Structures are given as structure tokens and as C-alpha cells.
PDB file of all heavy atoms in Angstrom:
ATOM      1  N   THR A   1     189.241 -94.988-104.680  1.00  0.00           N
ATOM      2  CA  THR A   1     189.317 -95.706-105.955  1.00  0.00           C
ATOM      3  C   THR A   1     190.731 -96.145-106.280  1.00  0.00           C
ATOM      4  O   THR A   1     190.997 -96.643-107.369  1.00  0.00           O
ATOM      5  CB  THR A   1     188.755 -94.844-107.097  1.00  0.00           C
ATOM      6  OG1 THR A   1     189.481 -93.603-107.132  1.00  0.00           O
ATOM      7  CG2 THR A   1     187.278 -94.575-106.881  1.00  0.00           C
ATOM      8  N   GLY A   2     191.669 -95.954-105.367  1.00  0.00           N
ATOM      9  CA  GLY A   2     193.043 -96.366-105.580  1.00  0.00           C
ATOM     10  C   GLY A   2     193.827 -96.112-104.316  1.00  0.00           C
ATOM     11  O   GLY A   2     193.296 -95.514-103.373  1.00  0.00           O
ATOM     12  N   PRO A   3     195.093 -96.530-104.280  1.00  0.00           N
ATOM     13  CA  PRO A   3     195.907 -96.381-103.075  1.00  0.00           C
ATOM     14  C   PRO A   3     195.962 -94.939-102.561  1.00  0.00           C
ATOM     15  O   PRO A   3     195.941 -94.704-101.355  1.00  0.00           O
ATOM     16  CB  PRO A   3     197.285 -96.858-103.527  1.00  0.00           C
ATOM     17  CG  PRO A   3     197.025 -97.781-104.655  1.00  0.00           C
ATOM     18  CD  PRO A   3     195.819 -97.227-105.358  1.00  0.00           C
ATOM     19  N   ASN A   4     196.004 -94.008-103.453  1.00  0.00           N
ATOM     20  CA  ASN A   4     196.075 -92.607-103.033  1.00  0.00           C
ATOM     21  C   ASN A   4     195.010 -91.768-103.711  1.00  0.00           C
ATOM     22  O   ASN A   4     195.199 -90.570-103.931  1.00  0.00           O
ATOM     23  CB  ASN A   4     197.462 -92.035-103.356  1.00  0.00           C
ATOM     24  CG  ASN A   4     198.560 -92.752-102.613  1.00  0.00           C
ATOM     25  OD1 ASN A   4     198.553 -92.821-101.393  1.00  0.00           O
ATOM     26  ND2 ASN A   4     199.506 -93.294-103.348  1.00  0.00           N
ATOM     27  N   ARG A   5     193.912 -92.421-104.018  1.00  0.00           N
ATOM     28  CA  ARG A   5     192.862 -91.726-104.753  1.00  0.00           C
ATOM     29  C   ARG A   5     191.601 -91.675-103.913  1.00  0.00           C
ATOM     30  O   ARG A   5     190.823 -92.626-103.872  1.00  0.00           O
ATOM     31  CB  ARG A   5     192.606 -92.468-106.072  1.00  0.00           C
ATOM     32  CG  ARG A   5     192.389 -91.557-107.256  1.00  0.00           C
ATOM     33  CD  ARG A   5     192.211 -92.386-108.512  1.00  0.00           C
ATOM     34  NE  ARG A   5     193.477 -92.803-109.074  1.00  0.00           N
ATOM     35  CZ  ARG A   5     193.568 -93.655-110.101  1.00  0.00           C
ATOM     36  NH1 ARG A   5     192.487 -94.190-110.620  1.00  0.00           N
ATOM     37  NH2 ARG A   5     194.738 -93.985-110.581  1.00  0.00           N
ATOM     38  N   ILE A   6     191.449 -90.575-103.219  1.00  0.00           N
ATOM     39  CA  ILE A   6     190.272 -90.357-102.382  1.00  0.00           C
ATOM     40  C   ILE A   6     189.601 -89.084-102.858  1.00  0.00           C
ATOM     41  O   ILE A   6     190.271 -88.071-103.090  1.00  0.00           O
ATOM     42  CB  ILE A   6     190.651 -90.246-100.898  1.00  0.00           C
ATOM     43  CG1 ILE A   6     191.191 -91.590-100.396  1.00  0.00           C
ATOM     44  CG2 ILE A   6     189.464 -89.800-100.064  1.00  0.00           C
ATOM     45  CD1 ILE A   6     191.644 -91.573 -98.953  1.00  0.00           C
ATOM     46  N   ASN A   7     188.299 -89.146-102.992  1.00  0.00           N
ATOM     47  CA  ASN A   7     187.539 -87.978-103.440  1.00  0.00           C
ATOM     48  C   ASN A   7     186.350 -87.735-102.523  1.00  0.00           C
ATOM     49  O   ASN A   7     185.791 -88.674-101.948  1.00  0.00           O
ATOM     50  CB  ASN A   7     187.051 -88.174-104.873  1.00  0.00           C
ATOM     51  CG  ASN A   7     188.180 -88.128-105.877  1.00  0.00           C
ATOM     52  OD1 ASN A   7     188.803 -87.088-106.071  1.00  0.00           O
ATOM     53  ND2 ASN A   7     188.459 -89.253-106.497  1.00  0.00           N
ATOM     54  N   TYR A   8     185.998 -86.471-102.419  1.00  0.00           N
ATOM     55  CA  TYR A   8     184.875 -86.071-101.581  1.00  0.00           C
ATOM     56  C   TYR A   8     183.956 -85.133-102.347  1.00  0.00           C
ATOM     57  O   TYR A   8     184.404 -84.332-103.178  1.00  0.00           O
ATOM     58  CB  TYR A   8     185.361 -85.342-100.328  1.00  0.00           C
ATOM     59  CG  TYR A   8     186.147 -86.204 -99.381  1.00  0.00           C
ATOM     60  CD1 TYR A   8     187.536 -86.150 -99.363  1.00  0.00           C
ATOM     61  CD2 TYR A   8     185.500 -87.080 -98.511  1.00  0.00           C
ATOM     62  CE1 TYR A   8     188.262 -86.965 -98.506  1.00  0.00           C
ATOM     63  CE2 TYR A   8     186.222 -87.885 -97.645  1.00  0.00           C
ATOM     64  CZ  TYR A   8     187.605 -87.818 -97.646  1.00  0.00           C
ATOM     65  OH  TYR A   8     188.328 -88.619 -96.796  1.00  0.00           O
ATOM     66  N   LEU A   9     182.687 -85.230-102.007  1.00  0.00           N
ATOM     67  CA  LEU A   9     181.716 -84.237-102.442  1.00  0.00           C
ATOM     68  C   LEU A   9     182.169 -82.888-101.892  1.00  0.00           C
ATOM     69  O   LEU A   9     182.609 -82.791-100.742  1.00  0.00           O
ATOM     70  CB  LEU A   9     180.341 -84.612-101.901  1.00  0.00           C
ATOM     71  CG  LEU A   9     179.144 -83.762-102.250  1.00  0.00           C
ATOM     72  CD1 LEU A   9     178.811 -83.899-103.734  1.00  0.00           C
ATOM     73  CD2 LEU A   9     177.941 -84.172-101.393  1.00  0.00           C
ATOM     74  N   GLU A  10     182.075 -81.867-102.710  1.00  0.00           N
ATOM     75  CA  GLU A  10     182.590 -80.559-102.319  1.00  0.00           C
ATOM     76  C   GLU A  10     182.021 -80.100-100.987  1.00  0.00           C
ATOM     77  O   GLU A  10     182.756 -79.554-100.141  1.00  0.00           O
ATOM     78  CB  GLU A  10     182.279 -79.535-103.406  1.00  0.00           C
ATOM     79  CG  GLU A  10     182.974 -78.203-103.224  1.00  0.00           C
ATOM     80  CD  GLU A  10     184.482 -78.293-103.316  1.00  0.00           C
ATOM     81  OE1 GLU A  10     184.995 -79.123-104.088  1.00  0.00           O
ATOM     82  OE2 GLU A  10     185.146 -77.530-102.582  1.00  0.00           O
ATOM     83  N   SER A  11     180.754 -80.338-100.764  1.00  0.00           N
ATOM     84  CA  SER A  11     180.098 -79.812 -99.561  1.00  0.00           C
ATOM     85  C   SER A  11     180.510 -80.523 -98.274  1.00  0.00           C
ATOM     86  O   SER A  11     180.191 -80.042 -97.185  1.00  0.00           O
ATOM     87  CB  SER A  11     178.580 -79.879 -99.715  1.00  0.00           C
ATOM     88  OG  SER A  11     178.148 -81.213 -99.849  1.00  0.00           O
ATOM     89  N   VAL A  12     181.233 -81.650 -98.388  1.00  0.00           N
ATOM     90  CA  VAL A  12     181.648 -82.360 -97.174  1.00  0.00           C
ATOM     91  C   VAL A  12     183.155 -82.319 -96.971  1.00  0.00           C
ATOM     92  O   VAL A  12     183.657 -82.832 -95.960  1.00  0.00           O
ATOM     93  CB  VAL A  12     181.165 -83.833 -97.171  1.00  0.00           C
ATOM     94  CG1 VAL A  12     179.671 -83.909 -97.439  1.00  0.00           C
ATOM     95  CG2 VAL A  12     181.948 -84.690 -98.142  1.00  0.00           C
ATOM     96  N   LYS A  13     183.868 -81.723 -97.892  1.00  0.00           N
ATOM     97  CA  LYS A  13     185.330 -81.642 -97.768  1.00  0.00           C
ATOM     98  C   LYS A  13     185.706 -80.939 -96.474  1.00  0.00           C
ATOM     99  O   LYS A  13     185.151 -79.896 -96.127  1.00  0.00           O
ATOM    100  CB  LYS A  13     185.915 -80.896 -98.966  1.00  0.00           C
ATOM    101  CG  LYS A  13     186.020 -81.729-100.221  1.00  0.00           C
ATOM    102  CD  LYS A  13     186.661 -80.952-101.358  1.00  0.00           C
ATOM    103  CE  LYS A  13     186.762 -81.793-102.613  1.00  0.00           C
ATOM    104  NZ  LYS A  13     187.342 -81.028-103.749  1.00  0.00           N
ATOM    105  N   GLY A  14     186.661 -81.531 -95.769  1.00  0.00           N
ATOM    106  CA  GLY A  14     187.120 -80.969 -94.509  1.00  0.00           C
ATOM    107  C   GLY A  14     186.267 -81.386 -93.323  1.00  0.00           C
ATOM    108  O   GLY A  14     186.641 -81.133 -92.171  1.00  0.00           O
ATOM    109  N   ARG A  15     185.121 -82.004 -93.577  1.00  0.00           N
ATOM    110  CA  ARG A  15     184.243 -82.444 -92.488  1.00  0.00           C
ATOM    111  C   ARG A  15     184.112 -83.965 -92.430  1.00  0.00           C
ATOM    112  O   ARG A  15     183.920 -84.522 -91.345  1.00  0.00           O
ATOM    113  CB  ARG A  15     182.847 -81.832 -92.665  1.00  0.00           C
ATOM    114  CG  ARG A  15     182.826 -80.318 -92.654  1.00  0.00           C
ATOM    115  CD  ARG A  15     181.397 -79.775 -92.628  1.00  0.00           C
ATOM    116  NE  ARG A  15     180.614 -80.166 -93.783  1.00  0.00           N
ATOM    117  CZ  ARG A  15     179.482 -80.859 -93.722  1.00  0.00           C
ATOM    118  NH1 ARG A  15     179.009 -81.267 -92.561  1.00  0.00           N
ATOM    119  NH2 ARG A  15     178.818 -81.160 -94.829  1.00  0.00           N
ATOM    120  N   PHE A  16     184.157 -84.627 -93.570  1.00  0.00           N
ATOM    121  CA  PHE A  16     184.003 -86.075 -93.647  1.00  0.00           C
ATOM    122  C   PHE A  16     185.334 -86.712 -94.032  1.00  0.00           C
ATOM    123  O   PHE A  16     186.132 -86.118 -94.761  1.00  0.00           O
ATOM    124  CB  PHE A  16     182.967 -86.452 -94.698  1.00  0.00           C
ATOM    125  CG  PHE A  16     181.543 -86.118 -94.348  1.00  0.00           C
ATOM    126  CD1 PHE A  16     181.218 -85.277 -93.294  1.00  0.00           C
ATOM    127  CD2 PHE A  16     180.504 -86.642 -95.111  1.00  0.00           C
ATOM    128  CE1 PHE A  16     179.912 -84.970 -92.993  1.00  0.00           C
ATOM    129  CE2 PHE A  16     179.184 -86.352 -94.817  1.00  0.00           C
ATOM    130  CZ  PHE A  16     178.887 -85.512 -93.760  1.00  0.00           C
ATOM    131  N   ALA A  17     185.548 -87.949 -93.577  1.00  0.00           N
ATOM    132  CA  ALA A  17     186.752 -88.691 -93.944  1.00  0.00           C
ATOM    133  C   ALA A  17     186.402 -90.153 -94.163  1.00  0.00           C
ATOM    134  O   ALA A  17     185.783 -90.783 -93.294  1.00  0.00           O
ATOM    135  CB  ALA A  17     187.811 -88.559 -92.864  1.00  0.00           C
ATOM    136  N   ILE A  18     186.801 -90.685 -95.299  1.00  0.00           N
ATOM    137  CA  ILE A  18     186.574 -92.096 -95.634  1.00  0.00           C
ATOM    138  C   ILE A  18     187.854 -92.859 -95.321  1.00  0.00           C
ATOM    139  O   ILE A  18     188.963 -92.368 -95.554  1.00  0.00           O
ATOM    140  CB  ILE A  18     186.170 -92.240 -97.129  1.00  0.00           C
ATOM    141  CG1 ILE A  18     185.766 -93.675 -97.445  1.00  0.00           C
ATOM    142  CG2 ILE A  18     187.277 -91.749 -98.057  1.00  0.00           C
ATOM    143  CD1 ILE A  18     185.178 -93.839 -98.858  1.00  0.00           C
ATOM    144  N   SER A  19     187.707 -94.067 -94.794  1.00  0.00           N
ATOM    145  CA  SER A  19     188.883 -94.875 -94.472  1.00  0.00           C
ATOM    146  C   SER A  19     188.496 -96.349 -94.425  1.00  0.00           C
ATOM    147  O   SER A  19     187.312 -96.696 -94.441  1.00  0.00           O
ATOM    148  CB  SER A  19     189.483 -94.442 -93.129  1.00  0.00           C
ATOM    149  OG  SER A  19     188.569 -94.671 -92.071  1.00  0.00           O
ATOM    150  N   ARG A  20     189.530 -97.189 -94.355  1.00  0.00           N
ATOM    151  CA  ARG A  20     189.338 -98.634 -94.234  1.00  0.00           C
ATOM    152  C   ARG A  20     190.077 -99.099 -92.994  1.00  0.00           C
ATOM    153  O   ARG A  20     191.090 -98.514 -92.612  1.00  0.00           O
ATOM    154  CB  ARG A  20     189.935 -99.349 -95.458  1.00  0.00           C
ATOM    155  CG  ARG A  20     189.289 -98.995 -96.761  1.00  0.00           C
ATOM    156  CD  ARG A  20     190.070 -99.539 -97.931  1.00  0.00           C
ATOM    157  NE  ARG A  20     191.282 -98.802 -98.186  1.00  0.00           N
ATOM    158  CZ  ARG A  20     191.878 -98.720 -99.361  1.00  0.00           C
ATOM    159  NH1 ARG A  20     191.347 -99.364-100.392  1.00  0.00           N
ATOM    160  NH2 ARG A  20     192.989 -98.042 -99.515  1.00  0.00           N
ATOM    161  N   ASP A  21     189.628-100.171 -92.386  1.00  0.00           N
ATOM    162  CA  ASP A  21     190.363-100.697 -91.244  1.00  0.00           C
ATOM    163  C   ASP A  21     191.506-101.583 -91.728  1.00  0.00           C
ATOM    164  O   ASP A  21     191.667-101.840 -92.933  1.00  0.00           O
ATOM    165  CB  ASP A  21     189.427-101.449 -90.300  1.00  0.00           C
ATOM    166  CG  ASP A  21     188.994-102.807 -90.849  1.00  0.00           C
ATOM    167  OD1 ASP A  21     189.156-103.045 -92.059  1.00  0.00           O
ATOM    168  OD2 ASP A  21     188.473-103.603 -90.053  1.00  0.00           O
ATOM    169  N   ASN A  22     192.326-102.045 -90.793  1.00  0.00           N
ATOM    170  CA  ASN A  22     193.523-102.804 -91.162  1.00  0.00           C
ATOM    171  C   ASN A  22     193.195-104.121 -91.846  1.00  0.00           C
ATOM    172  O   ASN A  22     193.971-104.612 -92.659  1.00  0.00           O
ATOM    173  CB  ASN A  22     194.383-103.069 -89.920  1.00  0.00           C
ATOM    174  CG  ASN A  22     195.059-101.813 -89.421  1.00  0.00           C
ATOM    175  OD1 ASN A  22     195.275-100.874 -90.179  1.00  0.00           O
ATOM    176  ND2 ASN A  22     195.394-101.785 -88.144  1.00  0.00           N
ATOM    177  N   THR A  23     192.052-104.694 -91.522  1.00  0.00           N
ATOM    178  CA  THR A  23     191.664-105.948 -92.173  1.00  0.00           C
ATOM    179  C   THR A  23     191.080-105.694 -93.552  1.00  0.00           C
ATOM    180  O   THR A  23     190.901-106.629 -94.325  1.00  0.00           O
ATOM    181  CB  THR A  23     190.622-106.715 -91.334  1.00  0.00           C
ATOM    182  OG1 THR A  23     189.399-105.959 -91.323  1.00  0.00           O
ATOM    183  CG2 THR A  23     191.110-106.923 -89.922  1.00  0.00           C
ATOM    184  N   GLU A  24     190.740-104.438 -93.807  1.00  0.00           N
ATOM    185  CA  GLU A  24     190.190-104.002 -95.086  1.00  0.00           C
ATOM    186  C   GLU A  24     188.864-104.667 -95.414  1.00  0.00           C
ATOM    187  O   GLU A  24     188.502-104.803 -96.594  1.00  0.00           O
ATOM    188  CB  GLU A  24     191.216-104.171 -96.209  1.00  0.00           C
ATOM    189  CG  GLU A  24     192.423-103.264 -95.970  1.00  0.00           C
ATOM    190  CD  GLU A  24     193.536-103.440 -96.973  1.00  0.00           C
ATOM    191  OE1 GLU A  24     193.839-104.580 -97.344  1.00  0.00           O
ATOM    192  OE2 GLU A  24     194.104-102.422 -97.378  1.00  0.00           O
ATOM    193  N   THR A  25     188.144-105.071 -94.378  1.00  0.00           N
ATOM    194  CA  THR A  25     186.791-105.581 -94.593  1.00  0.00           C
ATOM    195  C   THR A  25     185.744-104.642 -94.014  1.00  0.00           C
ATOM    196  O   THR A  25     184.550-104.941 -94.056  1.00  0.00           O
ATOM    197  CB  THR A  25     186.606-106.979 -93.973  1.00  0.00           C
ATOM    198  OG1 THR A  25     186.906-106.906 -92.576  1.00  0.00           O
ATOM    199  CG2 THR A  25     187.508-107.996 -94.646  1.00  0.00           C
ATOM    200  N   THR A  26     186.193-103.524 -93.448  1.00  0.00           N
ATOM    201  CA  THR A  26     185.267-102.522 -92.940  1.00  0.00           C
ATOM    202  C   THR A  26     185.644-101.160 -93.504  1.00  0.00           C
ATOM    203  O   THR A  26     186.804-100.772 -93.479  1.00  0.00           O
ATOM    204  CB  THR A  26     185.283-102.460 -91.405  1.00  0.00           C
ATOM    205  OG1 THR A  26     184.984-103.748 -90.874  1.00  0.00           O
ATOM    206  CG2 THR A  26     184.244-101.466 -90.904  1.00  0.00           C
ATOM    207  N   LEU A  27     184.650-100.491 -94.005  1.00  0.00           N
ATOM    208  CA  LEU A  27     184.791 -99.146 -94.557  1.00  0.00           C
ATOM    209  C   LEU A  27     184.141 -98.177 -93.579  1.00  0.00           C
ATOM    210  O   LEU A  27     183.080 -98.486 -93.019  1.00  0.00           O
ATOM    211  CB  LEU A  27     184.106 -99.075 -95.922  1.00  0.00           C
ATOM    212  CG  LEU A  27     184.220 -97.791 -96.721  1.00  0.00           C
ATOM    213  CD1 LEU A  27     185.645 -97.636 -97.263  1.00  0.00           C
ATOM    214  CD2 LEU A  27     183.220 -97.775 -97.864  1.00  0.00           C
ATOM    215  N   TYR A  28     184.769 -97.031 -93.381  1.00  0.00           N
ATOM    216  CA  TYR A  28     184.236 -96.052 -92.438  1.00  0.00           C
ATOM    217  C   TYR A  28     183.969 -94.723 -93.143  1.00  0.00           C
ATOM    218  O   TYR A  28     184.585 -94.391 -94.155  1.00  0.00           O
ATOM    219  CB  TYR A  28     185.246 -95.790 -91.319  1.00  0.00           C
ATOM    220  CG  TYR A  28     185.567 -96.985 -90.473  1.00  0.00           C
ATOM    221  CD1 TYR A  28     186.787 -97.643 -90.621  1.00  0.00           C
ATOM    222  CD2 TYR A  28     184.661 -97.467 -89.536  1.00  0.00           C
ATOM    223  CE1 TYR A  28     187.090 -98.752 -89.854  1.00  0.00           C
ATOM    224  CE2 TYR A  28     184.958 -98.576 -88.753  1.00  0.00           C
ATOM    225  CZ  TYR A  28     186.176 -99.208 -88.922  1.00  0.00           C
ATOM    226  OH  TYR A  28     186.476-100.310 -88.163  1.00  0.00           O
ATOM    227  N   LEU A  29     183.071 -93.991 -92.546  1.00  0.00           N
ATOM    228  CA  LEU A  29     182.879 -92.594 -92.924  1.00  0.00           C
ATOM    229  C   LEU A  29     182.760 -91.811 -91.622  1.00  0.00           C
ATOM    230  O   LEU A  29     181.759 -91.906 -90.913  1.00  0.00           O
ATOM    231  CB  LEU A  29     181.639 -92.391 -93.784  1.00  0.00           C
ATOM    232  CG  LEU A  29     181.450 -90.963 -94.297  1.00  0.00           C
ATOM    233  CD1 LEU A  29     182.553 -90.604 -95.313  1.00  0.00           C
ATOM    234  CD2 LEU A  29     180.076 -90.762 -94.937  1.00  0.00           C
ATOM    235  N   GLN A  30     183.823 -91.094 -91.284  1.00  0.00           N
ATOM    236  CA  GLN A  30     183.812 -90.222 -90.119  1.00  0.00           C
ATOM    237  C   GLN A  30     183.216 -88.889 -90.530  1.00  0.00           C
ATOM    238  O   GLN A  30     183.725 -88.242 -91.440  1.00  0.00           O
ATOM    239  CB  GLN A  30     185.228 -90.033 -89.580  1.00  0.00           C
ATOM    240  CG  GLN A  30     185.314 -89.109 -88.383  1.00  0.00           C
ATOM    241  CD  GLN A  30     184.645 -89.687 -87.147  1.00  0.00           C
ATOM    242  OE1 GLN A  30     184.880 -90.834 -86.785  1.00  0.00           O
ATOM    243  NE2 GLN A  30     183.796 -88.887 -86.495  1.00  0.00           N
ATOM    244  N   MET A  31     182.149 -88.498 -89.853  1.00  0.00           N
ATOM    245  CA  MET A  31     181.457 -87.264 -90.203  1.00  0.00           C
ATOM    246  C   MET A  31     181.501 -86.312 -89.019  1.00  0.00           C
ATOM    247  O   MET A  31     181.091 -86.687 -87.907  1.00  0.00           O
ATOM    248  CB  MET A  31     180.002 -87.558 -90.575  1.00  0.00           C
ATOM    249  CG  MET A  31     179.853 -88.612 -91.673  1.00  0.00           C
ATOM    250  SD  MET A  31     178.151 -88.814 -92.225  1.00  0.00           S
ATOM    251  CE  MET A  31     177.408 -89.475 -90.725  1.00  0.00           C
ATOM    252  N   SER A  32     181.991 -85.127 -89.243  1.00  0.00           N
ATOM    253  CA  SER A  32     182.103 -84.114 -88.188  1.00  0.00           C
ATOM    254  C   SER A  32     181.432 -82.832 -88.658  1.00  0.00           C
ATOM    255  O   SER A  32     181.154 -82.658 -89.838  1.00  0.00           O
ATOM    256  CB  SER A  32     183.575 -83.847 -87.877  1.00  0.00           C
ATOM    257  OG  SER A  32     184.240 -85.041 -87.520  1.00  0.00           O
ATOM    258  N   SER A  33     181.202 -81.946 -87.696  1.00  0.00           N
ATOM    259  CA  SER A  33     180.555 -80.655 -87.985  1.00  0.00           C
ATOM    260  C   SER A  33     179.316 -80.857 -88.840  1.00  0.00           C
ATOM    261  O   SER A  33     179.113 -80.186 -89.856  1.00  0.00           O
ATOM    262  CB  SER A  33     181.551 -79.727 -88.702  1.00  0.00           C
ATOM    263  OG  SER A  33     182.692 -79.514 -87.909  1.00  0.00           O
ATOM    264  N   LEU A  34     178.500 -81.793 -88.427  1.00  0.00           N
ATOM    265  CA  LEU A  34     177.325 -82.155 -89.217  1.00  0.00           C
ATOM    266  C   LEU A  34     176.332 -81.010 -89.301  1.00  0.00           C
ATOM    267  O   LEU A  34     176.177 -80.219 -88.356  1.00  0.00           O
ATOM    268  CB  LEU A  34     176.657 -83.396 -88.635  1.00  0.00           C
ATOM    269  CG  LEU A  34     177.382 -84.706 -88.974  1.00  0.00           C
ATOM    270  CD1 LEU A  34     176.985 -85.814 -88.015  1.00  0.00           C
ATOM    271  CD2 LEU A  34     177.096 -85.110 -90.413  1.00  0.00           C
ATOM    272  N   LYS A  35     175.671 -80.931 -90.438  1.00  0.00           N
ATOM    273  CA  LYS A  35     174.692 -79.889 -90.715  1.00  0.00           C
ATOM    274  C   LYS A  35     173.342 -80.537 -91.023  1.00  0.00           C
ATOM    275  O   LYS A  35     173.287 -81.688 -91.472  1.00  0.00           O
ATOM    276  CB  LYS A  35     175.133 -79.071 -91.923  1.00  0.00           C
ATOM    277  CG  LYS A  35     176.520 -78.464 -91.798  1.00  0.00           C
ATOM    278  CD  LYS A  35     176.925 -77.762 -93.078  1.00  0.00           C
ATOM    279  CE  LYS A  35     178.327 -77.176 -92.973  1.00  0.00           C
ATOM    280  NZ  LYS A  35     178.730 -76.474 -94.216  1.00  0.00           N
ATOM    281  N   PRO A  36     172.257 -79.807 -90.819  1.00  0.00           N
ATOM    282  CA  PRO A  36     170.932 -80.377 -91.147  1.00  0.00           C
ATOM    283  C   PRO A  36     170.853 -80.877 -92.588  1.00  0.00           C
ATOM    284  O   PRO A  36     170.179 -81.879 -92.854  1.00  0.00           O
ATOM    285  CB  PRO A  36     169.988 -79.203 -90.893  1.00  0.00           C
ATOM    286  CG  PRO A  36     170.665 -78.412 -89.816  1.00  0.00           C
ATOM    287  CD  PRO A  36     172.131 -78.510 -90.137  1.00  0.00           C
ATOM    288  N   GLU A  37     171.556 -80.223 -93.504  1.00  0.00           N
ATOM    289  CA  GLU A  37     171.520 -80.650 -94.906  1.00  0.00           C
ATOM    290  C   GLU A  37     172.271 -81.951 -95.158  1.00  0.00           C
ATOM    291  O   GLU A  37     172.236 -82.485 -96.259  1.00  0.00           O
ATOM    292  CB  GLU A  37     172.057 -79.556 -95.834  1.00  0.00           C
ATOM    293  CG  GLU A  37     173.401 -78.994 -95.441  1.00  0.00           C
ATOM    294  CD  GLU A  37     173.288 -77.711 -94.622  1.00  0.00           C
ATOM    295  OE1 GLU A  37     172.425 -77.650 -93.708  1.00  0.00           O
ATOM    296  OE2 GLU A  37     174.082 -76.777 -94.881  1.00  0.00           O
ATOM    297  N   ASP A  38     172.951 -82.477 -94.138  1.00  0.00           N
ATOM    298  CA  ASP A  38     173.582 -83.798 -94.268  1.00  0.00           C
ATOM    299  C   ASP A  38     172.595 -84.921 -93.980  1.00  0.00           C
ATOM    300  O   ASP A  38     172.926 -86.095 -94.143  1.00  0.00           O
ATOM    301  CB  ASP A  38     174.767 -83.924 -93.296  1.00  0.00           C
ATOM    302  CG  ASP A  38     175.904 -82.984 -93.618  1.00  0.00           C
ATOM    303  OD1 ASP A  38     176.231 -82.825 -94.813  1.00  0.00           O
ATOM    304  OD2 ASP A  38     176.471 -82.398 -92.671  1.00  0.00           O
ATOM    305  N   THR A  39     171.391 -84.563 -93.557  1.00  0.00           N
ATOM    306  CA  THR A  39     170.371 -85.565 -93.274  1.00  0.00           C
ATOM    307  C   THR A  39     170.040 -86.365 -94.525  1.00  0.00           C
ATOM    308  O   THR A  39     169.725 -85.800 -95.572  1.00  0.00           O
ATOM    309  CB  THR A  39     169.099 -84.893 -92.731  1.00  0.00           C
ATOM    310  OG1 THR A  39     169.399 -84.304 -91.459  1.00  0.00           O
ATOM    311  CG2 THR A  39     167.970 -85.904 -92.573  1.00  0.00           C
TER     312      THR A  39
END
């Protein structure tokens, strides 16, 4: 929501990462250590 304003749902902190590419037309969500409850 801002240059240095990134927030995560508590249950995904440390496992998921949101980012933008250099062109800023693609948004990513890197998800690691996935759990069945992430379905």
C-alpha cells in the first residue's frame, strides 16, 4: 500500500512474499512451506 508498506496475514508471515517486477505491471506472490490450509 506504499513504498515501504507491506502487510501479511499473520498465518503466512515468513512463508509468503509479495513483490512487483521492474516494469511494475506484474505482481507476484511467492509462497513457500505451503500447508493444506493454504488451499
